[in-house]
């Protein structure tokens, strides 16, 4: 009887500890994603790095390390087993070339021309893109809740781009275009690999997709040719941070958090990513962020929150940051 009572008393405490651990995992992982975007901004705008170069290195190195992690945990046979299923192999290639390369290059290109905070907020329009595409596919009018989310998304984008004025654009047009394209790419990146993820796991699927996606970029970016880039201790440290902490560590923490909290809770807590990018940009790179810019970002985060909490498209509108990396991505 005493043992039974003791177990009943400790069970809620154990659950509370698990929940707290999961919350901290999401917060730390999402913050690392946001900081990696700011680190990329510094590399692009101060040290002469190019988005193609960083995407190639980030995806190639991170993909290999993810596959090594899967091999250590599940055995090397598991790593290569996916290629015994030709259809899944083709899907992984499509996911890598059009999903991961698409979302990461557009995100980094937006950062290069603008700033990490705006690029991340614009990429968070992906749930709204998914909602609209689902409405067209199903030929159904969005619900009241979904229309409210779309309205917030439009208002947020307007405030981000114009700072609340119809006469000016505070963000370069190129940065806006790339940012909107990153939202579209993230929508595809979210919807396409669902069956692959469920059958092969997020780590194995993303590892192969990253590695495969990096291969054609080698011929274009040629990472071994870095004459235009300014290499020093600071830039080398930022590259290492983007690859190891902004990708691998963030991915591991976010994915592991799903063992302790629900995906919906994780997706809502992940909204700290663009906020951390905005804060880091303002404090470290002195990126000017007006009141309208912050309000616009909060409107977009409101869109994500509404769609993540029970609308008809809520489940499908959760970004791939909820399953794996936005590994910017991510987010991207």
Protein backbone atom coordinates (compact mmCIF):
# COMPACT_ATOMS: atom_id res chain seq x y z
CA UNK A 1 0.00 0.00 0.00
CA UNK A 2 2.80 2.42 0.91
CA UNK A 3 4.61 1.73 -2.36
CA UNK A 4 1.41 2.28 -4.32
CA UNK A 5 0.76 5.63 -2.65
CA UNK A 6 4.37 6.66 -3.21
CA UNK A 7 4.14 5.84 -6.92
CA UNK A 8 0.89 7.81 -7.22
CA UNK A 9 2.49 10.84 -5.54
CA UNK A 10 5.62 10.78 -7.68
CA UNK A 11 3.85 10.22 -11.01
CA UNK A 12 2.55 13.82 -11.35
CA UNK A 13 5.99 15.14 -10.37
CA UNK A 14 7.64 12.97 -13.01
CA UNK A 15 5.19 14.19 -15.66
CA UNK A 16 5.85 17.79 -14.65
CA UNK A 17 9.59 17.25 -14.99
CA UNK A 18 9.14 15.73 -18.44
CA UNK A 19 6.95 18.64 -19.53
CA UNK A 20 9.44 21.21 -18.22
CA UNK A 21 12.27 19.42 -19.99
CA UNK A 22 10.32 19.40 -23.27
CA UNK A 23 9.50 23.09 -22.99
CA UNK A 24 13.14 24.01 -22.45
CA UNK A 25 14.21 21.82 -25.36
CA UNK A 26 11.86 23.65 -27.73
CA UNK A 27 12.83 27.08 -26.43
CA UNK A 28 16.56 26.43 -26.71
CA UNK A 29 16.29 24.72 -30.10
CA UNK A 30 14.08 27.45 -31.58
CA UNK A 31 16.35 30.14 -30.19
CA UNK A 32 19.32 28.46 -31.87
CA UNK A 33 17.41 28.49 -35.17
CA UNK A 34 16.78 32.21 -34.81
CA UNK A 35 20.38 32.94 -33.85
CA UNK A 36 21.67 30.97 -36.84
CA UNK A 37 19.77 33.32 -39.14
CA UNK A 38 21.40 36.31 -37.50
CA UNK A 39 24.80 34.61 -37.77
CA UNK A 40 24.13 34.10 -41.48
CA UNK A 41 23.30 37.79 -41.85
CA UNK A 42 26.69 38.70 -40.39
CA UNK A 43 28.45 36.26 -42.73
CA UNK A 44 26.65 37.61 -45.81
CA UNK A 45 26.76 41.33 -45.13
CA UNK A 46 30.07 41.72 -43.34
CA UNK A 47 32.28 38.82 -44.41
CA UNK A 48 31.39 38.35 -48.08
CA UNK A 49 29.85 34.87 -47.86
CA UNK A 50 27.22 33.79 -50.39
CA UNK A 51 23.91 32.00 -49.67
CA UNK A 52 24.77 29.18 -52.08
CA UNK A 53 28.06 28.52 -50.33
CA UNK A 54 26.52 28.43 -46.86
CA UNK A 55 23.58 26.26 -47.96
CA UNK A 56 25.96 23.77 -49.60
CA UNK A 57 28.22 23.47 -46.56
CA UNK A 58 25.37 23.47 -44.07
CA UNK A 59 23.38 20.79 -45.86
CA UNK A 60 26.35 18.60 -46.79
CA UNK A 61 28.00 18.55 -43.37
CA UNK A 62 24.74 18.39 -41.38
CA UNK A 63 23.35 15.66 -43.64
CA UNK A 64 26.42 13.47 -43.19
CA UNK A 65 26.45 13.99 -39.43
CA UNK A 66 22.74 13.14 -39.19
CA UNK A 67 23.32 9.92 -41.11
CA UNK A 68 26.24 9.05 -38.83
CA UNK A 69 24.00 9.64 -35.81
CA UNK A 70 21.34 7.32 -37.25
CA UNK A 71 24.01 4.71 -38.04
CA UNK A 72 25.33 4.79 -34.47
CA UNK A 73 21.86 4.61 -32.93
CA UNK A 74 20.07 2.21 -35.30
CA UNK A 75 22.82 0.48 -37.28
CA UNK A 76 24.29 1.18 -40.70
CA UNK A 77 21.94 -1.26 -42.39
CA UNK A 78 19.07 1.04 -41.43
CA UNK A 79 20.86 4.03 -42.97
CA UNK A 80 21.02 2.47 -46.44
CA UNK A 81 17.80 0.45 -46.28
CA UNK A 82 15.76 3.28 -47.77
CA UNK A 83 17.52 2.82 -51.13
CA UNK A 84 16.11 -0.69 -51.40
CA UNK A 85 12.76 1.01 -52.03
CA UNK A 86 13.13 2.91 -55.34
CA UNK A 87 9.99 5.03 -54.95
CA UNK A 88 11.07 6.26 -51.54
CA UNK A 89 14.55 6.94 -52.88
CA UNK A 90 13.06 9.14 -55.61
CA UNK A 91 10.91 10.94 -53.04
CA UNK A 92 13.96 11.64 -50.88
CA UNK A 93 15.74 13.14 -53.90
CA UNK A 94 12.74 15.35 -54.69
CA UNK A 95 12.48 16.42 -51.07
CA UNK A 96 16.18 17.29 -50.94
CA UNK A 97 16.43 19.11 -54.27
CA UNK A 98 13.14 21.01 -54.23
CA UNK A 99 12.27 21.10 -50.53
CA UNK A 100 15.45 21.57 -48.55
CA UNK A 101 17.48 23.41 -51.18
CA UNK A 102 14.49 25.57 -52.04
CA UNK A 103 13.61 26.60 -48.51
CA UNK A 104 17.18 27.17 -47.34
CA UNK A 105 18.44 29.09 -50.38
CA UNK A 106 15.42 31.41 -50.54
CA UNK A 107 15.63 32.04 -46.78
CA UNK A 108 19.33 32.88 -46.85
CA UNK A 109 18.93 35.01 -50.01
CA UNK A 110 16.26 37.04 -48.19
CA UNK A 111 18.61 37.49 -45.24
CA UNK A 112 21.46 38.60 -47.52
CA UNK A 113 19.34 41.35 -49.10
CA UNK A 114 17.43 42.29 -45.96
CA UNK A 115 17.84 41.00 -42.41
CA UNK A 116 17.31 37.80 -40.46
CA UNK A 117 14.29 39.03 -38.50
CA UNK A 118 12.24 40.04 -41.54
CA UNK A 119 13.25 36.92 -43.49
CA UNK A 120 12.20 34.66 -40.61
CA UNK A 121 8.88 36.44 -40.11
CA UNK A 122 8.13 36.21 -43.85
CA UNK A 123 9.00 32.51 -43.88
CA UNK A 124 6.48 32.01 -41.08
CA UNK A 125 3.77 32.83 -43.63
CA UNK A 126 4.06 29.20 -44.75
CA UNK A 127 0.99 28.06 -42.73
CA UNK A 128 -1.08 30.71 -44.52
CA UNK A 129 0.23 29.47 -47.88
CA UNK A 130 -0.72 25.91 -46.92
CA UNK A 131 -4.16 27.05 -45.82
CA UNK A 132 -4.81 28.79 -49.16
CA UNK A 133 -3.51 25.85 -51.19
CA UNK A 134 -5.69 23.43 -49.21
CA UNK A 135 -8.73 25.65 -49.72
CA UNK A 136 -8.14 25.69 -53.48
CA UNK A 137 -7.50 21.94 -53.61
CA UNK A 138 -10.63 21.12 -51.62
CA UNK A 139 -12.68 23.89 -53.27
CA UNK A 140 -13.92 25.01 -49.88
CA UNK A 141 -14.12 28.50 -48.42
CA UNK A 142 -11.89 28.97 -45.33
CA UNK A 143 -13.66 28.98 -41.97
CA UNK A 144 -14.08 32.17 -39.94
CA UNK A 145 -11.08 31.29 -37.82
CA UNK A 146 -8.98 30.61 -40.90
CA UNK A 147 -10.07 33.88 -42.55
CA UNK A 148 -9.03 35.72 -39.40
CA UNK A 149 -5.61 34.03 -39.61
CA UNK A 150 -5.24 35.04 -43.26
CA UNK A 151 -6.22 38.60 -42.40
CA UNK A 152 -3.56 38.73 -39.70
CA UNK A 153 -1.02 37.36 -42.17
CA UNK A 154 -1.82 40.10 -44.71
CA UNK A 155 -1.70 42.85 -42.10
CA UNK A 156 1.54 41.49 -40.69
CA UNK A 157 3.19 41.34 -44.10
CA UNK A 158 2.08 44.89 -44.90
CA UNK A 159 3.51 46.22 -41.63
CA UNK A 160 6.78 44.33 -42.08
CA UNK A 161 7.36 45.55 -45.61
CA UNK A 162 6.13 49.16 -45.37
CA UNK A 163 6.46 49.99 -41.68
CA UNK A 164 2.82 51.04 -41.84
CA UNK A 165 3.18 53.56 -44.69
CA UNK A 166 1.77 53.17 -48.19
CA UNK A 167 4.47 55.44 -49.61
CA UNK A 168 7.61 53.56 -48.64
CA UNK A 169 9.14 50.11 -48.43
CA UNK A 170 11.53 49.65 -45.52
CA UNK A 171 12.66 46.24 -46.76
CA UNK A 172 14.40 45.87 -50.17
CA UNK A 173 12.01 44.37 -52.76
CA UNK A 174 14.44 41.52 -53.43
CA UNK A 175 14.41 40.53 -49.77
CA UNK A 176 10.59 40.54 -49.75
CA UNK A 177 10.38 38.41 -52.91
CA UNK A 178 12.89 35.86 -51.61
CA UNK A 179 11.13 35.83 -48.22
CA UNK A 180 7.75 35.12 -49.80
CA UNK A 181 9.31 32.42 -51.98
CA UNK A 182 10.78 30.88 -48.83
CA UNK A 183 7.26 30.67 -47.37
CA UNK A 184 6.06 28.88 -50.52
CA UNK A 185 9.09 26.57 -50.45
CA UNK A 186 8.49 25.86 -46.76
CA UNK A 187 4.87 24.95 -47.53
CA UNK A 188 6.06 22.33 -50.02
CA UNK A 189 8.78 21.23 -47.60
CA UNK A 190 6.09 20.74 -44.95
CA UNK A 191 3.54 18.82 -46.97
CA UNK A 192 5.63 16.63 -49.23
CA UNK A 193 7.66 14.31 -46.94
CA UNK A 194 4.88 13.19 -44.61
CA UNK A 195 4.92 9.51 -45.59
CA UNK A 196 8.71 9.41 -45.70
CA UNK A 197 8.91 10.84 -42.19
CA UNK A 198 6.40 8.40 -40.76
CA UNK A 199 8.04 5.37 -42.38
CA UNK A 200 11.75 6.18 -42.12
CA UNK A 201 11.94 8.78 -39.36
CA UNK A 202 12.79 12.46 -39.51
CA UNK A 203 16.53 12.08 -38.90
CA UNK A 204 17.15 9.53 -41.66
CA UNK A 205 14.88 11.26 -44.19
CA UNK A 206 16.32 14.71 -43.53
CA UNK A 207 19.89 13.42 -43.40
CA UNK A 208 19.70 11.86 -46.86
CA UNK A 209 17.70 14.78 -48.29
CA UNK A 210 20.27 17.27 -47.01
CA UNK A 211 23.22 15.31 -48.34
CA UNK A 212 21.61 14.70 -51.74
CA UNK A 213 20.47 18.31 -52.01
CA UNK A 214 24.00 19.54 -51.39
CA UNK A 215 25.54 17.49 -54.23
CA UNK A 216 24.35 19.55 -57.26
CA UNK A 217 25.15 22.74 -55.35
CA UNK A 218 28.80 21.69 -55.20
CA UNK A 219 29.17 22.39 -58.92
CA UNK A 220 27.56 25.83 -58.57
CA UNK A 221 28.76 27.10 -55.19
CA UNK A 222 32.21 25.42 -55.28
CA UNK A 223 32.81 25.74 -51.53
CA UNK A 224 36.51 25.01 -51.98
CA UNK A 225 36.82 28.35 -53.81
CA UNK A 226 36.42 31.04 -51.16
CA UNK A 227 38.56 33.93 -52.38
CA UNK A 228 35.79 36.52 -51.92
CA UNK A 229 35.06 35.40 -48.37
CA UNK A 230 36.89 36.88 -45.42
CA UNK A 231 38.03 34.01 -43.24
CA UNK A 232 39.03 34.80 -39.68
CA UNK A 233 38.30 33.36 -36.26
CA UNK A 234 34.94 35.12 -36.00
CA UNK A 235 33.61 34.07 -39.44
CA UNK A 236 34.85 30.49 -38.99
CA UNK A 237 33.11 30.36 -35.60
CA UNK A 238 29.87 31.62 -37.13
CA UNK A 239 29.97 28.98 -39.88
CA UNK A 240 30.55 26.29 -37.25
CA UNK A 241 27.69 27.70 -35.17
CA UNK A 242 25.26 27.64 -38.13
CA UNK A 243 26.13 24.02 -38.95
CA UNK A 244 26.52 22.49 -35.49
CA UNK A 245 24.23 24.51 -33.25
CA UNK A 246 21.82 26.21 -35.65
CA UNK A 247 21.18 22.93 -37.45
CA UNK A 248 22.17 19.74 -35.64
CA UNK A 249 21.64 20.81 -32.02
CA UNK A 250 18.41 22.68 -32.84
CA UNK A 251 17.11 19.70 -34.79
CA UNK A 252 17.94 17.24 -32.01
CA UNK A 253 16.42 19.39 -29.24
CA UNK A 254 13.21 20.07 -31.14
CA UNK A 255 12.69 16.48 -32.20
CA UNK A 256 13.48 15.16 -28.72
CA UNK A 257 11.00 17.58 -27.15
CA UNK A 258 8.17 15.61 -28.82
CA UNK A 259 8.78 12.83 -26.28
CA UNK A 260 7.80 15.22 -23.48
CA UNK A 261 5.18 17.64 -24.88
CA UNK A 262 2.61 17.61 -27.69
CA UNK A 263 3.39 18.78 -31.25
CA UNK A 264 0.89 21.65 -30.89
CA UNK A 265 2.63 22.89 -27.76
CA UNK A 266 5.98 22.61 -29.49
CA UNK A 267 4.76 24.53 -32.55
CA UNK A 268 3.47 27.38 -30.41
CA UNK A 269 6.65 27.56 -28.33
CA UNK A 270 8.70 27.54 -31.56
CA UNK A 271 7.36 31.04 -32.24
CA UNK A 272 10.31 32.23 -30.20
CA UNK A 273 12.50 31.63 -33.29
CA UNK A 274 11.70 34.86 -35.17
CA UNK A 275 11.63 36.78 -31.90
CA UNK A 276 15.13 35.56 -31.07
CA UNK A 277 16.29 36.50 -34.58
CA UNK A 278 14.80 39.98 -34.16
CA UNK A 279 16.33 40.46 -30.71
CA UNK A 280 19.75 39.20 -31.79
CA UNK A 281 19.70 41.39 -34.91
CA UNK A 282 18.81 44.48 -32.90
CA UNK A 283 21.32 43.89 -30.09
CA UNK A 284 24.22 42.40 -32.04
CA UNK A 285 23.96 43.78 -35.58
CA UNK A 286 22.01 46.93 -34.65
CA UNK A 287 19.28 46.12 -37.17
CA UNK A 288 16.63 48.85 -36.88
CA UNK A 289 13.27 47.42 -35.84
CA UNK A 290 10.40 49.87 -35.60
CA UNK A 291 7.15 49.42 -33.73
CA UNK A 292 5.31 48.59 -36.97
CA UNK A 293 7.88 45.92 -37.83
CA UNK A 294 7.44 44.24 -34.47
CA UNK A 295 3.65 44.49 -34.71
CA UNK A 296 3.79 42.93 -38.16
CA UNK A 297 5.88 40.07 -36.84
CA UNK A 298 3.48 39.51 -33.97
CA UNK A 299 0.55 39.42 -36.43
CA UNK A 300 2.27 36.67 -38.41
CA UNK A 301 2.99 34.74 -35.23
CA UNK A 302 -0.67 35.17 -34.38
CA UNK A 303 -1.49 33.50 -37.70
CA UNK A 304 0.68 30.52 -36.78
CA UNK A 305 -0.88 30.28 -33.32
CA UNK A 306 -4.45 30.37 -34.65
CA UNK A 307 -3.79 27.70 -37.27
CA UNK A 308 -1.92 25.50 -34.80
CA UNK A 309 -4.76 25.36 -32.30
CA UNK A 310 -7.59 23.46 -33.81
CA UNK A 311 -8.64 24.89 -37.15
CA UNK A 312 -9.58 22.57 -40.01
CA UNK A 313 -6.09 22.94 -41.49
CA UNK A 314 -4.34 23.19 -38.17
CA UNK A 315 -2.59 19.86 -38.41
CA UNK A 316 -1.32 20.44 -41.91
CA UNK A 317 -0.32 24.04 -41.29
CA UNK A 318 2.33 23.23 -38.75
CA UNK A 319 5.66 24.03 -40.33
CA UNK A 320 8.40 21.49 -40.91
CA UNK A 321 10.31 23.18 -38.06
CA UNK A 322 7.76 21.16 -35.91
CA UNK A 323 8.92 17.86 -37.42
CA UNK A 324 12.61 18.47 -37.95
CA UNK A 325 14.98 21.23 -38.51
CA UNK A 326 13.02 25.06 -40.66
CA UNK A 327 16.63 23.53 -40.47
CA UNK A 328 15.51 27.13 -41.51
CA UNK A 329 16.28 25.25 -41.86
CA UNK A 330 14.10 26.93 -41.32
CA UNK A 331 14.19 27.88 -41.15
CA UNK A 332 14.83 28.11 -42.45
